[in-house]
């Protein structure tokens, strides 16, 4: 199977460095990870052959990189790198968004409604992460426990909802692009939003395409 026929999720979890290319081209490899590279490129109006070549130009030894850690190590990585990070990111982003909306309410590019959208995302993410921390992750680590198909299906569904919420943030902020006359607070807000977008997408990718598929023996692009 050529790269063009592989899904974005498969490429992301087996080719270290691929997620960076996907981020650059704004290709959704987490919630939309089941679509083929060929179809994803077509939907974005990208040259699929050029995109495949970019991926091929990554280190040719990428697929022989060190294997993923076991489930316990992967879960600890997710908790420390993403759960803790989101809990730090969102309250500050909310504070910055509230200030921008208050000070620049009359600016034509003011992201009106952004603060409330981020508040909603924080509430939904907190509920989601607590369910993983208190129910799903301990279940996955319990020796001899049956595979938790139901809880995983629910987490995947909520991941899709997080993706939709993130799409609304992107809409409200013109693809997280500040206007030319943006003040320092506005610029800092959008810089933080871009980091949050990348982190949330990578977080969902590692869970959907690696942890939830039991693929802890394959190489992954941990960042």
N, C-alpha and C. Protein backbone atom coordinates (compact mmCIF):
# COMPACT_ATOMS: atom_id res chain seq x y z
N UNK A 1 0.85 -1.20 0.00
CA UNK A 1 0.00 0.00 0.00
C UNK A 1 0.88 1.25 0.00
N UNK A 2 0.64 2.16 -0.92
CA UNK A 2 1.43 3.38 -1.00
C UNK A 2 1.00 4.37 0.07
N UNK A 3 1.84 5.38 0.30
CA UNK A 3 1.49 6.41 1.27
C UNK A 3 0.16 7.07 0.93
N UNK A 4 -0.10 7.26 -0.35
CA UNK A 4 -1.31 7.94 -0.77
C UNK A 4 -2.56 7.19 -0.35
N UNK A 5 -2.46 5.87 -0.22
CA UNK A 5 -3.62 5.05 0.12
C UNK A 5 -3.72 4.77 1.62
N UNK A 6 -2.70 5.14 2.38
CA UNK A 6 -2.74 4.95 3.82
C UNK A 6 -3.55 6.07 4.47
N UNK A 7 -4.14 5.79 5.60
CA UNK A 7 -4.91 6.81 6.31
C UNK A 7 -3.94 7.77 7.01
N UNK A 8 -4.44 8.97 7.28
CA UNK A 8 -3.61 9.95 8.00
C UNK A 8 -3.22 9.42 9.37
N UNK A 9 -4.16 8.75 10.05
CA UNK A 9 -3.86 8.21 11.37
C UNK A 9 -2.77 7.16 11.32
N UNK A 10 -2.82 6.29 10.32
CA UNK A 10 -1.80 5.25 10.19
C UNK A 10 -0.43 5.86 9.94
N UNK A 11 -0.38 6.85 9.05
CA UNK A 11 0.89 7.51 8.76
C UNK A 11 1.42 8.22 9.99
N UNK A 12 0.52 8.90 10.71
CA UNK A 12 0.94 9.66 11.90
C UNK A 12 1.55 8.77 12.97
N UNK A 13 1.01 7.55 13.11
CA UNK A 13 1.50 6.70 14.20
C UNK A 13 2.68 5.83 13.79
N UNK A 14 2.97 5.74 12.48
CA UNK A 14 4.07 4.88 12.05
C UNK A 14 5.25 5.64 11.46
N UNK A 15 5.06 6.92 11.15
CA UNK A 15 6.13 7.68 10.52
C UNK A 15 6.48 8.90 11.36
N UNK A 16 7.48 8.80 12.24
CA UNK A 16 7.86 9.93 13.07
C UNK A 16 8.17 11.17 12.21
N UNK A 17 7.64 12.29 12.61
CA UNK A 17 7.81 13.53 11.88
C UNK A 17 6.63 13.86 10.99
N UNK A 18 5.77 12.86 10.73
CA UNK A 18 4.64 13.09 9.83
C UNK A 18 3.67 14.10 10.41
N UNK A 19 3.48 14.08 11.72
CA UNK A 19 2.49 14.99 12.30
C UNK A 19 2.88 16.45 12.09
N UNK A 20 4.18 16.73 12.06
CA UNK A 20 4.62 18.10 11.79
C UNK A 20 4.20 18.56 10.41
N UNK A 21 4.32 17.67 9.42
CA UNK A 21 3.88 17.99 8.05
C UNK A 21 2.37 18.16 8.01
N UNK A 22 1.65 17.31 8.71
CA UNK A 22 0.19 17.43 8.74
C UNK A 22 -0.23 18.75 9.39
N UNK A 23 0.47 19.15 10.47
CA UNK A 23 0.17 20.43 11.10
C UNK A 23 0.37 21.58 10.11
N UNK A 24 1.48 21.54 9.38
CA UNK A 24 1.80 22.61 8.44
C UNK A 24 0.70 22.77 7.39
N UNK A 25 0.17 21.66 6.92
CA UNK A 25 -0.86 21.70 5.87
C UNK A 25 -2.28 21.67 6.44
N UNK A 26 -2.38 21.74 7.79
CA UNK A 26 -3.68 21.75 8.46
C UNK A 26 -4.54 20.54 8.08
N UNK A 27 -3.91 19.37 8.10
CA UNK A 27 -4.61 18.12 7.84
C UNK A 27 -4.95 17.47 9.19
N UNK A 28 -6.19 17.10 9.36
CA UNK A 28 -6.66 16.55 10.63
C UNK A 28 -6.36 15.06 10.70
N UNK A 29 -5.32 14.71 11.47
CA UNK A 29 -4.93 13.31 11.58
C UNK A 29 -5.47 12.68 12.86
N UNK A 30 -6.24 13.43 13.65
CA UNK A 30 -6.78 12.86 14.89
C UNK A 30 -8.23 12.43 14.66
N UNK A 31 -9.17 13.36 14.75
CA UNK A 31 -10.58 12.99 14.53
C UNK A 31 -10.82 12.53 13.09
N UNK A 32 -10.11 13.13 12.15
CA UNK A 32 -10.26 12.77 10.75
C UNK A 32 -9.19 11.80 10.28
N UNK A 33 -8.63 11.02 11.21
CA UNK A 33 -7.49 10.17 10.89
C UNK A 33 -7.78 8.97 10.03
N UNK A 34 -9.05 8.64 9.78
CA UNK A 34 -9.37 7.45 8.99
C UNK A 34 -9.37 7.71 7.49
N UNK A 35 -9.29 8.96 7.07
CA UNK A 35 -9.30 9.28 5.64
C UNK A 35 -7.93 9.06 5.03
N UNK A 36 -7.88 8.65 3.77
CA UNK A 36 -6.60 8.40 3.11
C UNK A 36 -5.88 9.71 2.81
N UNK A 37 -4.57 9.63 2.68
CA UNK A 37 -3.78 10.82 2.35
C UNK A 37 -4.25 11.41 1.02
N UNK A 38 -4.57 10.56 0.06
CA UNK A 38 -5.02 11.02 -1.25
C UNK A 38 -6.31 11.85 -1.13
N UNK A 39 -7.28 11.31 -0.38
CA UNK A 39 -8.56 12.00 -0.23
C UNK A 39 -8.43 13.27 0.61
N UNK A 40 -7.59 13.20 1.64
CA UNK A 40 -7.39 14.38 2.50
C UNK A 40 -6.77 15.51 1.70
N UNK A 41 -5.80 15.20 0.85
CA UNK A 41 -5.17 16.22 0.02
C UNK A 41 -6.18 16.82 -0.94
N UNK A 42 -7.01 15.98 -1.53
CA UNK A 42 -8.02 16.47 -2.48
C UNK A 42 -8.99 17.43 -1.80
N UNK A 43 -9.39 17.11 -0.59
CA UNK A 43 -10.35 17.96 0.12
C UNK A 43 -9.75 19.32 0.46
N UNK A 44 -8.43 19.36 0.66
CA UNK A 44 -7.75 20.62 1.00
C UNK A 44 -7.22 21.34 -0.22
N UNK A 45 -7.37 20.74 -1.40
CA UNK A 45 -6.84 21.36 -2.62
C UNK A 45 -5.33 21.28 -2.69
N UNK A 46 -4.74 20.25 -2.08
CA UNK A 46 -3.29 20.09 -2.08
C UNK A 46 -2.88 19.08 -3.13
N UNK A 47 -1.63 19.17 -3.58
CA UNK A 47 -1.08 18.21 -4.52
C UNK A 47 -0.70 16.96 -3.74
N UNK A 48 -1.42 15.87 -3.93
CA UNK A 48 -1.20 14.66 -3.15
C UNK A 48 0.19 14.08 -3.39
N UNK A 49 0.68 14.15 -4.62
CA UNK A 49 2.00 13.59 -4.92
C UNK A 49 3.11 14.38 -4.21
N UNK A 50 2.97 15.69 -4.19
CA UNK A 50 3.96 16.53 -3.50
C UNK A 50 3.93 16.24 -2.01
N UNK A 51 2.73 16.09 -1.46
CA UNK A 51 2.59 15.80 -0.04
C UNK A 51 3.21 14.45 0.30
N UNK A 52 2.97 13.45 -0.55
CA UNK A 52 3.55 12.12 -0.32
C UNK A 52 5.06 12.18 -0.38
N UNK A 53 5.60 13.02 -1.28
CA UNK A 53 7.06 13.14 -1.37
C UNK A 53 7.64 13.78 -0.11
N UNK A 54 6.93 14.78 0.44
CA UNK A 54 7.38 15.39 1.69
C UNK A 54 7.49 14.34 2.78
N UNK A 55 6.51 13.47 2.84
CA UNK A 55 6.53 12.42 3.85
C UNK A 55 7.63 11.40 3.57
N UNK A 56 7.82 11.09 2.30
CA UNK A 56 8.86 10.12 1.93
C UNK A 56 10.25 10.65 2.23
N UNK A 57 10.40 11.98 2.20
CA UNK A 57 11.70 12.59 2.45
C UNK A 57 12.10 12.59 3.92
N UNK A 58 11.16 12.22 4.79
CA UNK A 58 11.52 12.08 6.20
C UNK A 58 12.56 10.98 6.34
N UNK A 59 13.20 10.95 7.45
CA UNK A 59 14.24 9.95 7.70
C UNK A 59 13.79 8.56 7.24
N UNK A 60 14.55 7.96 6.33
CA UNK A 60 14.16 6.66 5.78
C UNK A 60 14.18 5.56 6.83
N UNK A 61 14.84 5.82 7.93
CA UNK A 61 14.88 4.82 9.00
C UNK A 61 13.77 5.03 10.02
N UNK A 62 12.81 5.92 9.70
CA UNK A 62 11.80 6.30 10.69
C UNK A 62 11.01 5.10 11.20
N UNK A 63 10.71 4.17 10.30
CA UNK A 63 9.87 3.05 10.70
C UNK A 63 10.59 2.04 11.58
N UNK A 64 11.91 2.21 11.76
CA UNK A 64 12.65 1.33 12.66
C UNK A 64 12.98 2.04 13.95
N UNK A 65 12.35 3.18 14.19
CA UNK A 65 12.60 3.93 15.43
C UNK A 65 12.16 3.12 16.63
N UNK A 66 12.58 3.58 17.80
CA UNK A 66 12.23 2.87 19.03
C UNK A 66 10.73 2.69 19.15
N UNK A 67 10.31 1.55 19.65
CA UNK A 67 8.89 1.26 19.75
C UNK A 67 8.24 2.09 20.85
N UNK A 68 6.94 2.14 20.77
CA UNK A 68 6.19 2.86 21.78
C UNK A 68 6.39 2.23 23.14
N UNK A 69 6.22 3.02 24.19
CA UNK A 69 6.28 2.44 25.53
C UNK A 69 5.06 1.56 25.78
N UNK A 70 5.04 0.88 26.92
CA UNK A 70 3.87 0.07 27.26
C UNK A 70 2.70 0.98 27.62
N UNK A 71 1.56 0.38 27.89
CA UNK A 71 0.35 1.16 28.15
C UNK A 71 0.53 2.10 29.33
N UNK A 72 1.18 1.63 30.38
CA UNK A 72 1.37 2.48 31.57
C UNK A 72 2.19 3.71 31.23
N UNK A 73 3.26 3.54 30.46
CA UNK A 73 4.12 4.68 30.08
C UNK A 73 3.39 5.62 29.14
N UNK A 74 2.61 5.06 28.21
CA UNK A 74 1.85 5.90 27.28
C UNK A 74 0.82 6.74 28.03
N UNK A 75 0.11 6.11 28.96
CA UNK A 75 -0.89 6.84 29.72
C UNK A 75 -0.24 7.93 30.56
N UNK A 76 0.89 7.63 31.17
CA UNK A 76 1.58 8.65 31.96
C UNK A 76 2.01 9.82 31.08
N UNK A 77 2.47 9.51 29.86
CA UNK A 77 2.84 10.56 28.90
C UNK A 77 1.64 11.44 28.57
N UNK A 78 0.49 10.83 28.32
CA UNK A 78 -0.72 11.58 28.00
C UNK A 78 -1.13 12.47 29.17
N UNK A 79 -1.08 11.91 30.37
CA UNK A 79 -1.47 12.68 31.55
C UNK A 79 -0.59 13.89 31.76
N UNK A 80 0.72 13.69 31.67
CA UNK A 80 1.66 14.77 31.96
C UNK A 80 1.79 15.76 30.81
N UNK A 81 1.78 15.25 29.58
CA UNK A 81 2.03 16.12 28.43
C UNK A 81 0.76 16.83 27.94
N UNK A 82 -0.39 16.20 28.09
CA UNK A 82 -1.60 16.78 27.51
C UNK A 82 -2.67 17.14 28.55
N UNK A 83 -3.03 16.23 29.43
CA UNK A 83 -4.05 16.58 30.42
C UNK A 83 -3.60 17.77 31.26
N UNK A 84 -2.40 17.68 31.80
CA UNK A 84 -1.90 18.79 32.63
C UNK A 84 -1.75 20.07 31.82
N UNK A 85 -1.31 19.92 30.57
CA UNK A 85 -1.09 21.09 29.72
C UNK A 85 -2.40 21.81 29.40
N UNK A 86 -3.44 21.05 29.07
CA UNK A 86 -4.73 21.69 28.76
C UNK A 86 -5.27 22.45 29.97
N UNK A 87 -5.06 21.89 31.15
CA UNK A 87 -5.55 22.55 32.36
C UNK A 87 -4.80 23.84 32.66
N UNK A 88 -3.61 23.97 32.13
CA UNK A 88 -2.86 25.22 32.26
C UNK A 88 -3.21 26.18 31.13
N UNK A 89 -3.35 25.65 29.93
CA UNK A 89 -3.57 26.50 28.76
C UNK A 89 -4.90 27.23 28.79
N UNK A 90 -5.99 26.50 28.99
CA UNK A 90 -7.31 27.07 28.75
C UNK A 90 -7.68 28.22 29.69
N UNK A 91 -7.41 28.15 31.00
CA UNK A 91 -7.76 29.31 31.84
C UNK A 91 -7.06 30.59 31.40
N UNK A 92 -5.80 30.51 30.99
CA UNK A 92 -5.09 31.70 30.52
C UNK A 92 -5.64 32.18 29.19
N UNK A 93 -5.96 31.25 28.29
CA UNK A 93 -6.55 31.64 27.00
C UNK A 93 -7.90 32.30 27.21
N UNK A 94 -8.67 31.81 28.16
CA UNK A 94 -9.95 32.44 28.47
C UNK A 94 -9.75 33.86 28.96
N UNK A 95 -8.79 34.05 29.85
CA UNK A 95 -8.52 35.39 30.39
C UNK A 95 -8.11 36.35 29.27
N UNK A 96 -7.23 35.89 28.37
CA UNK A 96 -6.78 36.74 27.27
C UNK A 96 -7.94 37.05 26.31
N UNK A 97 -8.75 36.04 26.02
CA UNK A 97 -9.89 36.23 25.11
C UNK A 97 -10.89 37.23 25.68
N UNK A 98 -11.15 37.14 26.96
CA UNK A 98 -12.09 38.08 27.59
C UNK A 98 -11.56 39.51 27.48
N UNK A 99 -10.25 39.67 27.66
CA UNK A 99 -9.67 41.02 27.57
C UNK A 99 -9.75 41.54 26.14
N UNK A 100 -9.41 40.71 25.18
CA UNK A 100 -9.46 41.14 23.78
C UNK A 100 -10.88 41.52 23.39
N UNK A 101 -11.84 40.70 23.77
CA UNK A 101 -13.23 40.99 23.41
C UNK A 101 -13.73 42.27 24.09
N UNK A 102 -13.25 42.52 25.29
CA UNK A 102 -13.69 43.72 26.01
C UNK A 102 -13.06 44.98 25.42
N UNK A 103 -11.77 44.93 25.15
CA UNK A 103 -11.04 46.12 24.69
C UNK A 103 -11.27 46.40 23.21
N UNK A 104 -11.43 45.34 22.41
CA UNK A 104 -11.50 45.52 20.95
C UNK A 104 -12.87 45.14 20.39
N UNK A 105 -13.90 45.33 21.18
CA UNK A 105 -15.25 44.93 20.77
C UNK A 105 -15.67 45.55 19.44
N UNK A 106 -15.19 46.76 19.14
CA UNK A 106 -15.60 47.44 17.91
C UNK A 106 -14.70 47.13 16.71
N UNK A 107 -13.66 46.37 16.95
CA UNK A 107 -12.76 46.02 15.84
C UNK A 107 -13.46 45.00 14.95
N UNK A 108 -13.41 45.17 13.63
CA UNK A 108 -14.13 44.25 12.73
C UNK A 108 -13.66 42.80 12.83
N UNK A 109 -12.42 42.58 13.29
CA UNK A 109 -11.90 41.22 13.41
C UNK A 109 -11.95 40.67 14.83
N UNK A 110 -12.63 41.38 15.72
CA UNK A 110 -12.71 40.92 17.11
C UNK A 110 -13.38 39.53 17.15
N UNK A 111 -12.77 38.57 17.82
CA UNK A 111 -13.34 37.21 17.88
C UNK A 111 -14.47 37.11 18.90
N UNK A 112 -15.54 37.77 18.65
CA UNK A 112 -16.67 37.80 19.58
C UNK A 112 -17.22 36.40 19.82
N UNK A 113 -17.36 36.05 21.08
CA UNK A 113 -17.84 34.72 21.45
C UNK A 113 -16.73 33.73 21.72
N UNK A 114 -15.48 34.12 21.49
CA UNK A 114 -14.36 33.19 21.67
C UNK A 114 -14.20 32.79 23.14
N UNK A 115 -14.27 33.75 24.04
CA UNK A 115 -14.08 33.43 25.46
C UNK A 115 -15.09 32.41 25.93
N UNK A 116 -16.35 32.60 25.57
CA UNK A 116 -17.38 31.64 25.98
C UNK A 116 -17.15 30.27 25.35
N UNK A 117 -16.70 30.25 24.10
CA UNK A 117 -16.40 28.97 23.45
C UNK A 117 -15.28 28.25 24.19
N UNK A 118 -14.27 28.97 24.62
CA UNK A 118 -13.17 28.36 25.35
C UNK A 118 -13.61 27.90 26.74
N UNK A 119 -14.50 28.65 27.37
CA UNK A 119 -15.05 28.22 28.65
C UNK A 119 -15.79 26.89 28.49
N UNK A 120 -16.59 26.81 27.43
CA UNK A 120 -17.32 25.56 27.16
C UNK A 120 -16.35 24.41 26.91
N UNK A 121 -15.28 24.68 26.16
CA UNK A 121 -14.30 23.64 25.87
C UNK A 121 -13.60 23.17 27.14
N UNK A 122 -13.27 24.11 28.02
CA UNK A 122 -12.62 23.74 29.28
C UNK A 122 -13.53 22.82 30.09
N UNK A 123 -14.80 23.16 30.17
CA UNK A 123 -15.73 22.34 30.93
C UNK A 123 -15.86 20.94 30.33
N UNK A 124 -15.98 20.87 29.00
CA UNK A 124 -16.13 19.58 28.34
C UNK A 124 -14.85 18.75 28.44
N UNK A 125 -13.71 19.40 28.25
CA UNK A 125 -12.44 18.69 28.34
C UNK A 125 -12.18 18.18 29.75
N UNK A 126 -12.50 19.00 30.74
CA UNK A 126 -12.28 18.59 32.13
C UNK A 126 -13.12 17.35 32.45
N UNK A 127 -14.38 17.36 32.04
CA UNK A 127 -15.24 16.20 32.26
C UNK A 127 -14.69 14.98 31.54
N UNK A 128 -14.25 15.17 30.30
CA UNK A 128 -13.71 14.07 29.49
C UNK A 128 -12.44 13.51 30.12
N UNK A 129 -11.52 14.37 30.53
CA UNK A 129 -10.26 13.90 31.08
C UNK A 129 -10.46 13.19 32.41
N UNK A 130 -11.40 13.66 33.21
CA UNK A 130 -11.69 12.99 34.48
C UNK A 130 -12.21 11.57 34.24
N UNK A 131 -13.06 11.39 33.21
CA UNK A 131 -13.56 10.05 32.90
C UNK A 131 -12.42 9.13 32.47
N UNK A 132 -11.47 9.67 31.75
CA UNK A 132 -10.31 8.86 31.36
C UNK A 132 -9.46 8.52 32.58
N UNK A 133 -9.22 9.52 33.41
CA UNK A 133 -8.33 9.33 34.56
C UNK A 133 -8.94 8.41 35.62
N UNK A 134 -10.25 8.49 35.81
CA UNK A 134 -10.89 7.75 36.89
C UNK A 134 -11.48 6.41 36.45
N UNK A 135 -11.77 6.27 35.15
CA UNK A 135 -12.42 5.05 34.69
C UNK A 135 -11.61 4.32 33.61
N UNK A 136 -11.42 4.99 32.45
CA UNK A 136 -10.86 4.28 31.30
C UNK A 136 -9.40 3.88 31.50
N UNK A 137 -8.56 4.81 31.92
CA UNK A 137 -7.14 4.48 32.04
C UNK A 137 -6.89 3.40 33.08
N UNK A 138 -7.51 3.47 34.27
CA UNK A 138 -7.32 2.35 35.22
C UNK A 138 -7.81 1.01 34.65
N UNK A 139 -8.89 1.06 33.87
CA UNK A 139 -9.41 -0.16 33.24
C UNK A 139 -8.37 -0.74 32.28
N UNK A 140 -7.76 0.12 31.45
CA UNK A 140 -6.76 -0.35 30.49
C UNK A 140 -5.55 -0.96 31.18
N UNK A 141 -5.27 -0.52 32.39
CA UNK A 141 -4.08 -0.99 33.11
C UNK A 141 -4.38 -2.21 33.99
N UNK A 142 -5.64 -2.60 34.07
CA UNK A 142 -6.00 -3.72 34.93
C UNK A 142 -5.73 -5.04 34.21
N UNK A 143 -4.87 -5.84 34.78
CA UNK A 143 -4.48 -7.11 34.17
C UNK A 143 -5.68 -8.02 33.99
N UNK A 144 -5.83 -8.56 32.80
CA UNK A 144 -6.89 -9.51 32.53
C UNK A 144 -8.26 -8.91 32.29
N UNK A 145 -8.36 -7.60 32.33
CA UNK A 145 -9.66 -6.96 32.13
C UNK A 145 -10.05 -7.05 30.65
N UNK A 146 -11.34 -7.24 30.36
CA UNK A 146 -11.78 -7.27 28.95
C UNK A 146 -11.57 -5.91 28.30
N UNK A 147 -11.39 -5.92 26.99
CA UNK A 147 -11.16 -4.66 26.27
C UNK A 147 -12.41 -3.78 26.39
N UNK A 148 -12.26 -2.52 26.85
CA UNK A 148 -13.41 -1.66 27.14
C UNK A 148 -13.99 -0.99 25.90
N UNK A 149 -14.64 -1.78 25.06
CA UNK A 149 -15.18 -1.26 23.81
C UNK A 149 -16.13 -0.10 24.03
N UNK A 150 -17.05 -0.24 25.00
CA UNK A 150 -18.05 0.80 25.25
C UNK A 150 -17.43 2.12 25.68
N UNK A 151 -16.61 2.13 26.73
CA UNK A 151 -15.97 3.37 27.15
C UNK A 151 -15.10 4.00 26.07
N UNK A 152 -14.40 3.19 25.30
CA UNK A 152 -13.56 3.72 24.23
C UNK A 152 -14.43 4.37 23.15
N UNK A 153 -15.54 3.74 22.81
CA UNK A 153 -16.45 4.33 21.82
C UNK A 153 -16.96 5.68 22.31
N UNK A 154 -17.25 5.79 23.59
CA UNK A 154 -17.71 7.06 24.14
C UNK A 154 -16.61 8.12 24.09
N UNK A 155 -15.38 7.74 24.40
CA UNK A 155 -14.28 8.70 24.35
C UNK A 155 -14.03 9.15 22.91
N UNK A 156 -14.14 8.25 21.96
CA UNK A 156 -13.99 8.63 20.55
C UNK A 156 -15.07 9.63 20.14
N UNK A 157 -16.29 9.37 20.57
CA UNK A 157 -17.40 10.28 20.27
C UNK A 157 -17.11 11.66 20.85
N UNK A 158 -16.64 11.71 22.08
CA UNK A 158 -16.32 13.00 22.69
C UNK A 158 -15.13 13.66 22.01
N UNK A 159 -14.19 12.87 21.52
CA UNK A 159 -13.09 13.45 20.74
C UNK A 159 -13.63 14.16 19.51
N UNK A 160 -14.61 13.55 18.85
CA UNK A 160 -15.21 14.19 17.69
C UNK A 160 -15.85 15.52 18.08
N UNK A 161 -16.47 15.55 19.25
CA UNK A 161 -17.08 16.79 19.73
C UNK A 161 -16.01 17.85 20.01
N UNK A 162 -14.88 17.42 20.58
CA UNK A 162 -13.79 18.37 20.81
C UNK A 162 -13.28 18.92 19.48
N UNK A 163 -13.22 18.05 18.46
CA UNK A 163 -12.80 18.50 17.14
C UNK A 163 -13.74 19.54 16.57
N UNK A 164 -15.05 19.34 16.76
CA UNK A 164 -16.03 20.31 16.29
C UNK A 164 -15.91 21.63 17.05
N UNK A 165 -15.66 21.54 18.35
CA UNK A 165 -15.49 22.76 19.15
C UNK A 165 -14.24 23.52 18.72
N UNK A 166 -13.18 22.79 18.40
CA UNK A 166 -11.96 23.43 17.92
C UNK A 166 -12.19 24.09 16.57
N UNK A 167 -12.98 23.46 15.72
CA UNK A 167 -13.30 24.05 14.42
C UNK A 167 -14.02 25.38 14.59
N UNK A 168 -14.85 25.49 15.62
CA UNK A 168 -15.54 26.75 15.88
C UNK A 168 -14.55 27.82 16.35
N UNK A 169 -13.57 27.44 17.16
CA UNK A 169 -12.52 28.38 17.56
C UNK A 169 -11.78 28.89 16.33
N UNK A 170 -11.47 27.99 15.43
CA UNK A 170 -10.76 28.35 14.20
C UNK A 170 -11.61 29.30 13.36
N UNK A 171 -12.91 29.05 13.30
CA UNK A 171 -13.81 29.94 12.55
C UNK A 171 -13.86 31.33 13.17
N UNK A 172 -13.98 31.39 14.48
CA UNK A 172 -14.09 32.67 15.16
C UNK A 172 -12.83 33.51 15.03
N UNK A 173 -11.70 32.88 14.81
CA UNK A 173 -10.41 33.58 14.79
C UNK A 173 -9.79 33.67 13.40
N UNK A 174 -10.59 33.40 12.36
CA UNK A 174 -10.07 33.45 10.99
C UNK A 174 -8.83 32.56 10.86
N UNK A 175 -9.00 31.30 11.26
CA UNK A 175 -7.91 30.31 11.22
C UNK A 175 -6.75 30.73 12.13
N UNK A 176 -7.09 31.33 13.25
CA UNK A 176 -6.12 31.78 14.26
C UNK A 176 -5.10 32.72 13.64
N UNK A 177 -5.58 33.67 12.85
CA UNK A 177 -4.72 34.66 12.21
C UNK A 177 -5.06 36.04 12.78
N UNK A 178 -4.18 36.65 13.57
CA UNK A 178 -4.47 37.97 14.13
C UNK A 178 -4.42 39.04 13.04
N UNK A 179 -5.16 40.11 13.21
CA UNK A 179 -5.09 41.21 12.23
C UNK A 179 -3.75 41.91 12.30
N UNK A 180 -3.43 42.67 11.29
CA UNK A 180 -2.13 43.35 11.23
C UNK A 180 -1.93 44.32 12.39
N UNK A 181 -3.01 44.89 12.89
CA UNK A 181 -2.90 45.88 13.96
C UNK A 181 -3.17 45.28 15.34
N UNK A 182 -3.03 43.97 15.46
CA UNK A 182 -3.31 43.31 16.74
C UNK A 182 -2.35 43.79 17.81
N UNK A 183 -2.88 44.00 19.02
CA UNK A 183 -2.05 44.41 20.15
C UNK A 183 -1.30 43.18 20.69
N UNK A 184 -0.44 43.40 21.66
CA UNK A 184 0.34 42.30 22.22
C UNK A 184 -0.55 41.22 22.85
N UNK A 185 -1.62 41.64 23.52
CA UNK A 185 -2.51 40.67 24.15
C UNK A 185 -3.19 39.80 23.10
N UNK A 186 -3.65 40.44 22.04
CA UNK A 186 -4.32 39.71 20.95
C UNK A 186 -3.34 38.72 20.30
N UNK A 187 -2.13 39.19 20.06
CA UNK A 187 -1.12 38.32 19.45
C UNK A 187 -0.79 37.15 20.37
N UNK A 188 -0.65 37.43 21.67
CA UNK A 188 -0.35 36.36 22.63
C UNK A 188 -1.49 35.36 22.69
N UNK A 189 -2.72 35.84 22.61
CA UNK A 189 -3.88 34.95 22.62
C UNK A 189 -3.82 33.98 21.45
N UNK A 190 -3.56 34.50 20.25
CA UNK A 190 -3.57 33.64 19.07
C UNK A 190 -2.35 32.70 19.05
N UNK A 191 -1.23 33.17 19.58
CA UNK A 191 -0.07 32.28 19.70
C UNK A 191 -0.41 31.11 20.62
N UNK A 192 -1.07 31.40 21.73
CA UNK A 192 -1.49 30.35 22.64
C UNK A 192 -2.53 29.43 22.04
N UNK A 193 -3.45 29.99 21.26
CA UNK A 193 -4.47 29.17 20.61
C UNK A 193 -3.86 28.20 19.61
N UNK A 194 -2.85 28.66 18.89
CA UNK A 194 -2.18 27.77 17.93
C UNK A 194 -1.50 26.61 18.64
N UNK A 195 -0.85 26.90 19.77
CA UNK A 195 -0.21 25.84 20.55
C UNK A 195 -1.27 24.86 21.08
N UNK A 196 -2.39 25.41 21.54
CA UNK A 196 -3.47 24.56 22.05
C UNK A 196 -4.03 23.68 20.93
N UNK A 197 -4.21 24.25 19.74
CA UNK A 197 -4.71 23.46 18.61
C UNK A 197 -3.79 22.28 18.33
N UNK A 198 -2.50 22.53 18.26
CA UNK A 198 -1.54 21.46 17.99
C UNK A 198 -1.58 20.40 19.09
N UNK A 199 -1.60 20.85 20.34
CA UNK A 199 -1.58 19.91 21.45
C UNK A 199 -2.84 19.05 21.47
N UNK A 200 -4.00 19.68 21.25
CA UNK A 200 -5.25 18.92 21.30
C UNK A 200 -5.30 17.89 20.17
N UNK A 201 -4.86 18.27 19.00
CA UNK A 201 -4.86 17.33 17.87
C UNK A 201 -3.91 16.16 18.12
N UNK A 202 -2.73 16.46 18.66
CA UNK A 202 -1.78 15.39 18.94
C UNK A 202 -2.29 14.49 20.06
N UNK A 203 -2.92 15.08 21.05
CA UNK A 203 -3.51 14.34 22.17
C UNK A 203 -4.55 13.35 21.65
N UNK A 204 -5.47 13.84 20.84
CA UNK A 204 -6.53 12.98 20.31
C UNK A 204 -5.94 11.90 19.40
N UNK A 205 -4.95 12.27 18.62
CA UNK A 205 -4.29 11.29 17.74
C UNK A 205 -3.71 10.13 18.54
N UNK A 206 -2.97 10.43 19.59
CA UNK A 206 -2.32 9.36 20.36
C UNK A 206 -3.35 8.43 21.00
N UNK A 207 -4.46 8.98 21.41
CA UNK A 207 -5.49 8.12 22.01
C UNK A 207 -6.26 7.35 20.94
N UNK A 208 -6.79 8.05 19.94
CA UNK A 208 -7.60 7.39 18.91
C UNK A 208 -6.82 6.37 18.10
N UNK A 209 -5.63 6.77 17.65
CA UNK A 209 -4.90 5.98 16.66
C UNK A 209 -3.84 5.06 17.24
N UNK A 210 -3.56 5.18 18.53
CA UNK A 210 -2.54 4.33 19.14
C UNK A 210 -3.10 3.61 20.37
N UNK A 211 -3.36 4.36 21.43
CA UNK A 211 -3.77 3.74 22.69
C UNK A 211 -5.06 2.95 22.54
N UNK A 212 -6.06 3.53 21.89
CA UNK A 212 -7.37 2.88 21.80
C UNK A 212 -7.39 1.74 20.79
N UNK A 213 -6.35 1.64 19.98
CA UNK A 213 -6.27 0.53 19.02
C UNK A 213 -5.33 -0.56 19.51
N UNK A 214 -4.77 -0.37 20.70
CA UNK A 214 -3.86 -1.37 21.25
C UNK A 214 -2.60 -1.54 20.44
N UNK A 215 -2.12 -0.44 19.84
CA UNK A 215 -0.95 -0.51 18.94
C UNK A 215 0.32 -0.07 19.64
N UNK A 216 0.54 -0.52 20.86
CA UNK A 216 1.67 -0.04 21.63
C UNK A 216 2.99 -0.68 21.24
N UNK A 217 2.98 -1.50 20.22
CA UNK A 217 4.23 -2.09 19.75
C UNK A 217 4.76 -1.37 18.52
N UNK A 218 3.99 -0.41 17.97
CA UNK A 218 4.41 0.28 16.75
C UNK A 218 5.06 1.60 17.09
N UNK A 219 5.93 2.14 16.20
CA UNK A 219 6.56 3.42 16.47
C UNK A 219 5.55 4.54 16.43
N UNK A 220 5.82 5.60 17.22
CA UNK A 220 4.92 6.74 17.24
C UNK A 220 5.72 8.01 17.31
N UNK A 221 5.05 9.10 16.95
CA UNK A 221 5.68 10.42 16.95
C UNK A 221 5.25 11.15 18.20
N UNK A 222 5.92 10.92 19.32
CA UNK A 222 5.58 11.56 20.58
C UNK A 222 6.23 12.92 20.63
N UNK A 223 5.44 13.98 20.92
CA UNK A 223 5.99 15.32 21.02
C UNK A 223 5.46 15.98 22.26
